[in-house]
Amino acid sequence: MQALGRHLLVELYQCDRKILTDVRKVEGIMVEAAKRAKAHVVDVVFHTFNPHGISGVIVIAESHLAIHTWPEYAFASIDIYTCGSEINPWPAYSYLVRKFHAKHTTALEMKRGILRPLSSRPLKHKP
């Protein structure tokens, strides 16, 4: 079966707190991660929360990367959602782990938009 996309659900623990509070550094790391996956960046939006924390999204032609940071817990939650056969989310993941200095990580890959061949799809019917 064919999947339209790959979605990595990433959690980074024991990260460098100073990096997690610097919106320009977080933005730069995320943009570079998209490039490491061979993605084409379309738009970038980041926001700093008071008293701390950053949320941001990198819109790519192939979908998106998103991050939420909790500097007070040295934690970041990241989505890397890619579509198409030319792009690989795993180099982006490896880059993010290194740049945020994460000491512990989890990553789960989900296939998105799993399509069955047309011949095995049920026919739509109207009541």
Protein backbone atom coordinates (compact mmCIF):
# COMPACT_ATOMS: atom_id res chain seq x y z
CA MET A 1 0.00 0.00 0.00
CA GLN A 2 1.14 3.52 -0.78
CA ALA A 3 1.31 6.29 1.82
CA LEU A 4 1.04 9.93 0.83
CA GLY A 5 3.16 11.13 3.71
CA ARG A 6 5.45 10.35 6.62
CA HIS A 7 4.88 12.03 9.97
CA LEU A 8 7.52 11.94 12.70
CA LEU A 9 6.30 12.70 16.22
CA VAL A 10 9.44 13.76 18.06
CA GLU A 11 10.10 14.52 21.71
CA LEU A 12 13.45 15.96 22.82
CA TYR A 13 14.35 15.81 26.51
CA GLN A 14 17.13 17.47 28.50
CA CYS A 15 17.81 20.03 25.80
CA ASP A 16 19.91 23.18 26.12
CA ARG A 17 17.52 25.61 27.87
CA LYS A 18 19.27 28.70 26.45
CA ILE A 19 18.62 27.52 22.90
CA LEU A 20 14.97 26.70 23.70
CA THR A 21 14.40 30.33 24.78
CA ASP A 22 16.07 31.98 21.77
CA VAL A 23 13.45 32.35 19.05
CA ARG A 24 16.00 33.22 16.32
CA LYS A 25 18.12 30.15 17.13
CA VAL A 26 15.09 27.86 17.24
CA GLU A 27 13.85 29.29 13.94
CA GLY A 28 17.26 28.88 12.29
CA ILE A 29 17.60 25.30 13.50
CA MET A 30 14.13 24.39 12.26
CA VAL A 31 14.67 25.97 8.83
CA GLU A 32 17.97 24.14 8.44
CA ALA A 33 16.31 20.87 9.54
CA ALA A 34 13.77 21.29 6.73
CA LYS A 35 16.62 21.80 4.26
CA ARG A 36 18.39 18.68 5.60
CA ALA A 37 15.25 16.72 4.71
CA LYS A 38 15.48 18.16 1.16
CA ALA A 39 12.28 20.16 1.69
CA HIS A 40 11.37 23.41 -0.01
CA VAL A 41 10.60 26.14 2.54
CA VAL A 42 7.49 28.21 1.71
CA ASP A 43 6.89 30.23 4.90
CA VAL A 44 8.15 30.58 8.48
CA VAL A 45 6.14 31.72 11.51
CA PHE A 46 7.44 31.75 15.12
CA HIS A 47 6.08 33.19 18.35
CA THR A 48 7.67 33.66 21.79
CA PHE A 49 5.41 33.26 24.82
CA ASN A 50 5.65 35.16 28.10
CA PRO A 51 7.16 34.11 30.48
CA HIS A 52 8.82 31.46 28.29
CA GLY A 53 8.35 29.01 25.45
CA ILE A 54 8.32 29.18 21.68
CA SER A 55 5.95 27.82 19.06
CA GLY A 56 6.76 27.82 15.39
CA VAL A 57 5.97 26.28 12.06
CA ILE A 58 7.94 25.91 8.87
CA VAL A 59 5.55 25.49 5.97
CA ILE A 60 7.22 23.42 3.28
CA ALA A 61 5.96 22.57 -0.18
CA GLU A 62 5.86 18.98 1.05
CA SER A 63 3.86 19.76 4.28
CA HIS A 64 5.34 21.21 7.52
CA LEU A 65 7.65 21.12 10.52
CA ALA A 66 6.33 22.44 13.84
CA ILE A 67 7.89 22.93 17.28
CA HIS A 68 6.73 23.81 20.78
CA THR A 69 9.37 24.42 23.47
CA TRP A 70 9.14 24.24 27.24
CA PRO A 71 12.49 25.67 28.40
CA GLU A 72 11.49 25.30 32.05
CA TYR A 73 11.46 21.52 31.46
CA ALA A 74 14.32 21.47 28.90
CA PHE A 75 11.80 19.85 26.52
CA ALA A 76 10.72 20.31 22.90
CA SER A 77 7.92 18.62 21.00
CA ILE A 78 8.36 18.53 17.22
CA ASP A 79 6.33 17.35 14.22
CA ILE A 80 8.06 16.63 10.94
CA TYR A 81 5.39 15.89 8.33
CA THR A 82 6.62 15.24 4.81
CA CYS A 83 4.94 14.12 1.61
CA GLY A 84 6.43 12.76 -1.58
CA SER A 85 9.12 10.24 -2.38
CA GLU A 86 12.00 12.72 -2.73
CA ILE A 87 12.00 13.88 0.90
CA ASN A 88 13.25 12.04 4.00
CA PRO A 89 12.32 13.32 7.49
CA TRP A 90 15.03 11.34 9.33
CA PRO A 91 18.00 13.61 8.47
CA ALA A 92 15.95 16.51 9.88
CA TYR A 93 15.37 14.52 13.07
CA SER A 94 19.08 13.74 13.50
CA TYR A 95 20.00 17.39 12.94
CA LEU A 96 17.44 18.59 15.53
CA VAL A 97 18.71 16.16 18.17
CA ARG A 98 22.25 17.45 17.69
CA LYS A 99 21.43 21.16 17.56
CA PHE A 100 19.16 21.16 20.62
CA HIS A 101 21.70 19.01 22.52
CA ALA A 102 18.97 16.56 23.52
CA LYS A 103 20.18 13.88 25.91
CA HIS A 104 17.07 11.69 25.49
CA THR A 105 14.69 11.46 22.53
CA THR A 106 11.70 9.58 21.25
CA ALA A 107 10.52 9.47 17.65
CA LEU A 108 7.53 7.70 16.16
CA GLU A 109 6.94 7.53 12.42
CA MET A 110 3.39 7.33 11.18
CA LYS A 111 2.42 6.72 7.58
CA ARG A 112 -0.25 9.22 6.53
CA GLY A 113 -2.80 8.85 3.74
CA ILE A 114 -2.36 5.12 3.23
CA LEU A 115 -4.05 4.37 -0.06
CA ARG A 116 -5.25 1.02 -1.26
CA PRO A 117 -5.19 0.23 -4.97
CA LEU A 118 -8.32 1.49 -6.76
CA SER A 119 -9.47 -2.07 -7.48
CA SER A 120 -9.69 -2.86 -3.74
CA ARG A 121 -11.51 0.30 -2.66
CA PRO A 122 -15.17 -0.12 -1.76
CA LEU A 123 -17.59 1.54 -4.15
CA LYS A 124 -19.38 4.57 -2.82
CA HIS A 125 -23.12 4.20 -2.72
CA LYS A 126 -25.91 6.67 -2.18
CA PRO A 127 -28.71 5.80 0.27
